[in-house]
Amino acid sequence: MFILGIIPFSYLDLLQTQIQIMLLIPIILAIIIALLAIRYRGRKSKERLKRLTLERLKSMDPKEFEHAVADMLRAMDYKDVRVVGGSGDLAVDITAKRGKDKVVIQCKRYTGKKVTSPELQMFIGMMLTEYKATKGIYVTTSSFTQDAVELARRHGIELWDGDRLAEVISRLS
């Protein structure tokens, strides 16, 4: 009789636990769905911000664009950042220092046109012969041809296309 008294009690506990679990499952699923929705919205928002940033950069005149890139470099702890662009700039718009490196930067505000290998060749030549720099960064609001990418890789030139530029500025904002 004592055993029979325990069985119904244990069965009721088990049944109650199962009911509680069944009630928790929809709540847990709702929380997971809400978190996924928030994450998705965050990604969409970041993409919109990236596009807005890139659109704003493309609408600047070349001088404004050079100064925006210079400001970004300062925020990234580059030192002695100077905008030297303009007529006679010898394919370099900004000079800076980072650690022991003398860095030169070329800025091209393009829409619809890719930076080509000949443009990069001129930059590399001026970087090495005229500026005697140890590091080069080529920044554009558009993108690079495959030949330009290969040339940059061989010479250790850092390439910032429109997407990368927008991400960097977004991260610094």
C-alpha atoms as a PDB file:
ATOM      1  CA  MET A   1       0.000   0.000   0.000  1.00  0.00           C
ATOM      2  CA  PHE A   2       2.841   2.340   0.774  1.00  0.00           C
ATOM      3  CA  ILE A   3       4.366   1.707  -2.665  1.00  0.00           C
ATOM      4  CA  LEU A   4       1.045   2.380  -4.349  1.00  0.00           C
ATOM      5  CA  GLY A   5       0.853   5.733  -2.570  1.00  0.00           C
ATOM      6  CA  ILE A   6       4.240   6.772  -3.918  1.00  0.00           C
ATOM      7  CA  ILE A   7       3.559   5.811  -7.529  1.00  0.00           C
ATOM      8  CA  PRO A   8       0.652   8.195  -8.084  1.00  0.00           C
ATOM      9  CA  PHE A   9       2.600  10.999  -6.410  1.00  0.00           C
ATOM     10  CA  SER A  10       5.671  10.412  -8.587  1.00  0.00           C
ATOM     11  CA  TYR A  11       3.517  10.121 -11.673  1.00  0.00           C
ATOM     12  CA  LEU A  12       1.849  13.450 -10.864  1.00  0.00           C
ATOM     13  CA  ASP A  13       5.254  15.107 -10.399  1.00  0.00           C
ATOM     14  CA  LEU A  14       6.434  13.734 -13.727  1.00  0.00           C
ATOM     15  CA  LEU A  15       3.239  14.844 -15.451  1.00  0.00           C
ATOM     16  CA  GLN A  16       3.514  18.318 -13.938  1.00  0.00           C
ATOM     17  CA  THR A  17       7.165  18.609 -15.060  1.00  0.00           C
ATOM     18  CA  GLN A  18       6.258  17.540 -18.589  1.00  0.00           C
ATOM     19  CA  ILE A  19       3.473  20.121 -18.728  1.00  0.00           C
ATOM     20  CA  GLN A  20       5.867  22.838 -17.538  1.00  0.00           C
ATOM     21  CA  ILE A  21       8.396  21.844 -20.201  1.00  0.00           C
ATOM     22  CA  MET A  22       5.699  21.857 -22.878  1.00  0.00           C
ATOM     23  CA  LEU A  23       4.673  25.354 -21.799  1.00  0.00           C
ATOM     24  CA  LEU A  24       8.288  26.577 -21.826  1.00  0.00           C
ATOM     25  CA  ILE A  25       9.051  25.347 -25.353  1.00  0.00           C
ATOM     26  CA  PRO A  26       6.879  27.960 -27.147  1.00  0.00           C
ATOM     27  CA  ILE A  27       8.301  30.704 -24.912  1.00  0.00           C
ATOM     28  CA  ILE A  28      11.885  29.642 -25.683  1.00  0.00           C
ATOM     29  CA  LEU A  29      11.092  29.453 -29.407  1.00  0.00           C
ATOM     30  CA  ALA A  30       9.542  32.932 -29.305  1.00  0.00           C
ATOM     31  CA  ILE A  31      12.681  34.318 -27.628  1.00  0.00           C
ATOM     32  CA  ILE A  32      14.936  32.659 -30.227  1.00  0.00           C
ATOM     33  CA  ILE A  33      12.832  34.033 -33.094  1.00  0.00           C
ATOM     34  CA  ALA A  34      12.882  37.525 -31.564  1.00  0.00           C
ATOM     35  CA  LEU A  35      16.679  37.436 -31.170  1.00  0.00           C
ATOM     36  CA  LEU A  36      17.129  36.277 -34.762  1.00  0.00           C
ATOM     37  CA  ALA A  37      14.840  39.066 -35.989  1.00  0.00           C
ATOM     38  CA  ILE A  38      16.832  41.671 -34.037  1.00  0.00           C
ATOM     39  CA  ARG A  39      20.096  40.328 -35.456  1.00  0.00           C
ATOM     40  CA  TYR A  40      18.693  40.392 -39.008  1.00  0.00           C
ATOM     41  CA  ARG A  41      17.468  43.974 -38.581  1.00  0.00           C
ATOM     42  CA  GLY A  42      20.886  44.964 -37.221  1.00  0.00           C
ATOM     43  CA  ARG A  43      22.591  43.573 -40.319  1.00  0.00           C
ATOM     44  CA  LYS A  44      20.167  45.379 -42.629  1.00  0.00           C
ATOM     45  CA  SER A  45      20.717  48.601 -40.711  1.00  0.00           C
ATOM     46  CA  LYS A  46      24.489  48.216 -40.962  1.00  0.00           C
ATOM     47  CA  GLU A  47      24.215  47.635 -44.726  1.00  0.00           C
ATOM     48  CA  ARG A  48      22.050  50.763 -45.081  1.00  0.00           C
ATOM     49  CA  LEU A  49      24.573  52.771 -43.063  1.00  0.00           C
ATOM     50  CA  LYS A  50      27.387  51.424 -45.233  1.00  0.00           C
ATOM     51  CA  ARG A  51      25.548  52.445 -48.424  1.00  0.00           C
ATOM     52  CA  LEU A  52      24.758  55.875 -47.038  1.00  0.00           C
ATOM     53  CA  THR A  53      28.376  56.396 -46.087  1.00  0.00           C
ATOM     54  CA  LEU A  54      29.605  55.340 -49.510  1.00  0.00           C
ATOM     55  CA  GLU A  55      27.001  57.501 -51.254  1.00  0.00           C
ATOM     56  CA  ARG A  56      28.072  60.494 -49.167  1.00  0.00           C
ATOM     57  CA  LEU A  57      31.742  59.889 -50.028  1.00  0.00           C
ATOM     58  CA  LYS A  58      30.940  59.617 -53.739  1.00  0.00           C
ATOM     59  CA  SER A  59      29.124  62.958 -53.647  1.00  0.00           C
ATOM     60  CA  MET A  60      32.133  64.818 -52.207  1.00  0.00           C
ATOM     61  CA  ASP A  61      34.478  66.770 -54.416  1.00  0.00           C
ATOM     62  CA  PRO A  62      37.998  65.264 -54.687  1.00  0.00           C
ATOM     63  CA  LYS A  63      39.505  67.638 -52.095  1.00  0.00           C
ATOM     64  CA  GLU A  64      36.757  66.884 -49.561  1.00  0.00           C
ATOM     65  CA  PHE A  65      37.255  63.168 -50.168  1.00  0.00           C
ATOM     66  CA  GLU A  66      41.011  63.451 -49.527  1.00  0.00           C
ATOM     67  CA  HIS A  67      40.353  65.324 -46.273  1.00  0.00           C
ATOM     68  CA  ALA A  68      37.761  62.729 -45.199  1.00  0.00           C
ATOM     69  CA  VAL A  69      40.306  59.946 -45.754  1.00  0.00           C
ATOM     70  CA  ALA A  70      42.942  61.973 -43.860  1.00  0.00           C
ATOM     71  CA  ASP A  71      40.546  62.375 -40.918  1.00  0.00           C
ATOM     72  CA  MET A  72      39.909  58.646 -40.957  1.00  0.00           C
ATOM     73  CA  LEU A  73      43.659  57.919 -40.900  1.00  0.00           C
ATOM     74  CA  ARG A  74      44.113  60.253 -37.928  1.00  0.00           C
ATOM     75  CA  ALA A  75      41.331  58.400 -36.112  1.00  0.00           C
ATOM     76  CA  MET A  76      43.221  55.163 -36.847  1.00  0.00           C
ATOM     77  CA  ASP A  77      46.312  56.591 -35.063  1.00  0.00           C
ATOM     78  CA  TYR A  78      48.350  57.511 -38.117  1.00  0.00           C
ATOM     79  CA  LYS A  79      50.701  60.402 -37.269  1.00  0.00           C
ATOM     80  CA  ASP A  80      51.810  63.485 -39.231  1.00  0.00           C
ATOM     81  CA  VAL A  81      48.891  63.090 -41.651  1.00  0.00           C
ATOM     82  CA  ARG A  82      49.158  65.697 -44.418  1.00  0.00           C
ATOM     83  CA  VAL A  83      46.976  66.231 -47.469  1.00  0.00           C
ATOM     84  CA  VAL A  84      49.355  66.990 -50.350  1.00  0.00           C
ATOM     85  CA  GLY A  85      46.978  66.292 -53.239  1.00  0.00           C
ATOM     86  CA  GLY A  86      46.399  68.681 -56.071  1.00  0.00           C
ATOM     87  CA  SER A  87      48.241  69.572 -59.222  1.00  0.00           C
ATOM     88  CA  GLY A  88      51.790  68.243 -59.103  1.00  0.00           C
ATOM     89  CA  ASP A  89      51.096  65.809 -56.260  1.00  0.00           C
ATOM     90  CA  LEU A  90      53.057  63.040 -58.037  1.00  0.00           C
ATOM     91  CA  ALA A  91      50.274  60.439 -57.662  1.00  0.00           C
ATOM     92  CA  VAL A  92      50.076  60.823 -53.871  1.00  0.00           C
ATOM     93  CA  ASP A  93      47.301  62.679 -52.060  1.00  0.00           C
ATOM     94  CA  ILE A  94      48.182  62.059 -48.400  1.00  0.00           C
ATOM     95  CA  THR A  95      51.395  61.365 -46.512  1.00  0.00           C
ATOM     96  CA  ALA A  96      51.489  59.933 -42.998  1.00  0.00           C
ATOM     97  CA  LYS A  97      53.530  57.909 -40.545  1.00  0.00           C
ATOM     98  CA  ARG A  98      52.594  54.725 -38.756  1.00  0.00           C
ATOM     99  CA  GLY A  99      55.214  53.382 -36.408  1.00  0.00           C
ATOM    100  CA  LYS A 100      58.446  53.338 -38.401  1.00  0.00           C
ATOM    101  CA  ASP A 101      56.638  53.313 -41.758  1.00  0.00           C
ATOM    102  CA  LYS A 102      56.399  56.324 -44.026  1.00  0.00           C
ATOM    103  CA  VAL A 103      52.975  55.869 -45.643  1.00  0.00           C
ATOM    104  CA  VAL A 104      51.642  57.416 -48.842  1.00  0.00           C
ATOM    105  CA  ILE A 105      47.987  57.311 -49.820  1.00  0.00           C
ATOM    106  CA  GLN A 106      46.303  57.892 -53.178  1.00  0.00           C
ATOM    107  CA  CYS A 107      42.576  58.734 -53.147  1.00  0.00           C
ATOM    108  CA  LYS A 108      40.306  58.235 -56.161  1.00  0.00           C
ATOM    109  CA  ARG A 109      36.656  59.174 -55.884  1.00  0.00           C
ATOM    110  CA  TYR A 110      35.267  57.142 -58.754  1.00  0.00           C
ATOM    111  CA  THR A 111      31.733  56.110 -59.606  1.00  0.00           C
ATOM    112  CA  GLY A 112      31.409  53.289 -62.091  1.00  0.00           C
ATOM    113  CA  LYS A 113      35.094  53.240 -63.074  1.00  0.00           C
ATOM    114  CA  LYS A 114      37.559  50.738 -61.635  1.00  0.00           C
ATOM    115  CA  VAL A 115      41.128  51.618 -60.670  1.00  0.00           C
ATOM    116  CA  THR A 116      43.409  50.013 -63.259  1.00  0.00           C
ATOM    117  CA  SER A 117      46.879  48.506 -63.191  1.00  0.00           C
ATOM    118  CA  PRO A 118      48.520  51.502 -64.975  1.00  0.00           C
ATOM    119  CA  GLU A 119      47.153  53.854 -62.292  1.00  0.00           C
ATOM    120  CA  LEU A 120      48.565  51.606 -59.597  1.00  0.00           C
ATOM    121  CA  GLN A 121      51.901  51.335 -61.449  1.00  0.00           C
ATOM    122  CA  MET A 122      52.269  55.118 -61.399  1.00  0.00           C
ATOM    123  CA  PHE A 123      51.425  55.206 -57.681  1.00  0.00           C
ATOM    124  CA  ILE A 124      53.970  52.480 -56.856  1.00  0.00           C
ATOM    125  CA  GLY A 125      56.659  54.222 -58.907  1.00  0.00           C
ATOM    126  CA  MET A 126      56.105  57.572 -57.198  1.00  0.00           C
ATOM    127  CA  MET A 127      55.811  55.915 -53.803  1.00  0.00           C
ATOM    128  CA  LEU A 128      59.246  54.323 -54.164  1.00  0.00           C
ATOM    129  CA  THR A 129      61.197  56.925 -56.149  1.00  0.00           C
ATOM    130  CA  GLU A 130      59.800  60.332 -55.171  1.00  0.00           C
ATOM    131  CA  TYR A 131      58.451  59.720 -51.675  1.00  0.00           C
ATOM    132  CA  LYS A 132      60.737  56.851 -50.597  1.00  0.00           C
ATOM    133  CA  ALA A 133      57.790  55.444 -48.637  1.00  0.00           C
ATOM    134  CA  THR A 134      57.742  52.027 -47.004  1.00  0.00           C
ATOM    135  CA  LYS A 135      53.986  51.520 -47.239  1.00  0.00           C
ATOM    136  CA  GLY A 136      51.267  52.499 -49.708  1.00  0.00           C
ATOM    137  CA  ILE A 137      47.482  52.598 -49.481  1.00  0.00           C
ATOM    138  CA  TYR A 138      45.267  53.125 -52.529  1.00  0.00           C
ATOM    139  CA  VAL A 139      41.751  54.274 -51.621  1.00  0.00           C
ATOM    140  CA  THR A 140      38.790  54.388 -54.000  1.00  0.00           C
ATOM    141  CA  THR A 141      35.032  54.663 -53.704  1.00  0.00           C
ATOM    142  CA  SER A 142      34.699  52.090 -56.500  1.00  0.00           C
ATOM    143  CA  SER A 143      36.810  48.939 -56.972  1.00  0.00           C
ATOM    144  CA  PHE A 144      39.974  47.611 -58.621  1.00  0.00           C
ATOM    145  CA  THR A 145      40.557  45.574 -61.766  1.00  0.00           C
ATOM    146  CA  GLN A 146      41.941  42.082 -61.217  1.00  0.00           C
ATOM    147  CA  ASP A 147      45.302  43.134 -62.720  1.00  0.00           C
ATOM    148  CA  ALA A 148      45.499  46.020 -60.242  1.00  0.00           C
ATOM    149  CA  VAL A 149      44.717  43.677 -57.340  1.00  0.00           C
ATOM    150  CA  GLU A 150      47.488  41.289 -58.426  1.00  0.00           C
ATOM    151  CA  LEU A 151      49.987  44.135 -58.834  1.00  0.00           C
ATOM    152  CA  ALA A 152      49.118  45.524 -55.391  1.00  0.00           C
ATOM    153  CA  ARG A 153      49.529  42.086 -53.823  1.00  0.00           C
ATOM    154  CA  ARG A 154      52.987  41.665 -55.365  1.00  0.00           C
ATOM    155  CA  HIS A 155      54.123  45.065 -54.062  1.00  0.00           C
ATOM    156  CA  GLY A 156      52.425  44.985 -50.653  1.00  0.00           C
ATOM    157  CA  ILE A 157      50.069  47.869 -51.433  1.00  0.00           C
ATOM    158  CA  GLU A 158      46.957  47.984 -49.267  1.00  0.00           C
ATOM    159  CA  LEU A 159      43.768  48.424 -51.305  1.00  0.00           C
ATOM    160  CA  TRP A 160      40.650  50.042 -49.898  1.00  0.00           C
ATOM    161  CA  ASP A 161      37.691  49.698 -52.240  1.00  0.00           C
ATOM    162  CA  GLY A 162      34.323  51.329 -51.634  1.00  0.00           C
ATOM    163  CA  ASP A 163      33.016  48.544 -49.409  1.00  0.00           C
ATOM    164  CA  ARG A 164      36.145  48.431 -47.261  1.00  0.00           C
ATOM    165  CA  LEU A 165      36.234  52.212 -47.000  1.00  0.00           C
ATOM    166  CA  ALA A 166      32.600  52.318 -45.875  1.00  0.00           C
ATOM    167  CA  GLU A 167      33.226  49.581 -43.280  1.00  0.00           C
ATOM    168  CA  VAL A 168      36.244  51.399 -41.849  1.00  0.00           C
ATOM    169  CA  ILE A 169      34.389  54.697 -41.587  1.00  0.00           C
ATOM    170  CA  SER A 170      31.362  52.956 -40.080  1.00  0.00           C
ATOM    171  CA  ARG A 171      33.577  51.281 -37.478  1.00  0.00           C
ATOM    172  CA  LEU A 172      35.191  54.612 -36.580  1.00  0.00           C
ATOM    173  CA  SER A 173      31.846  56.439 -36.292  1.00  0.00           C
END
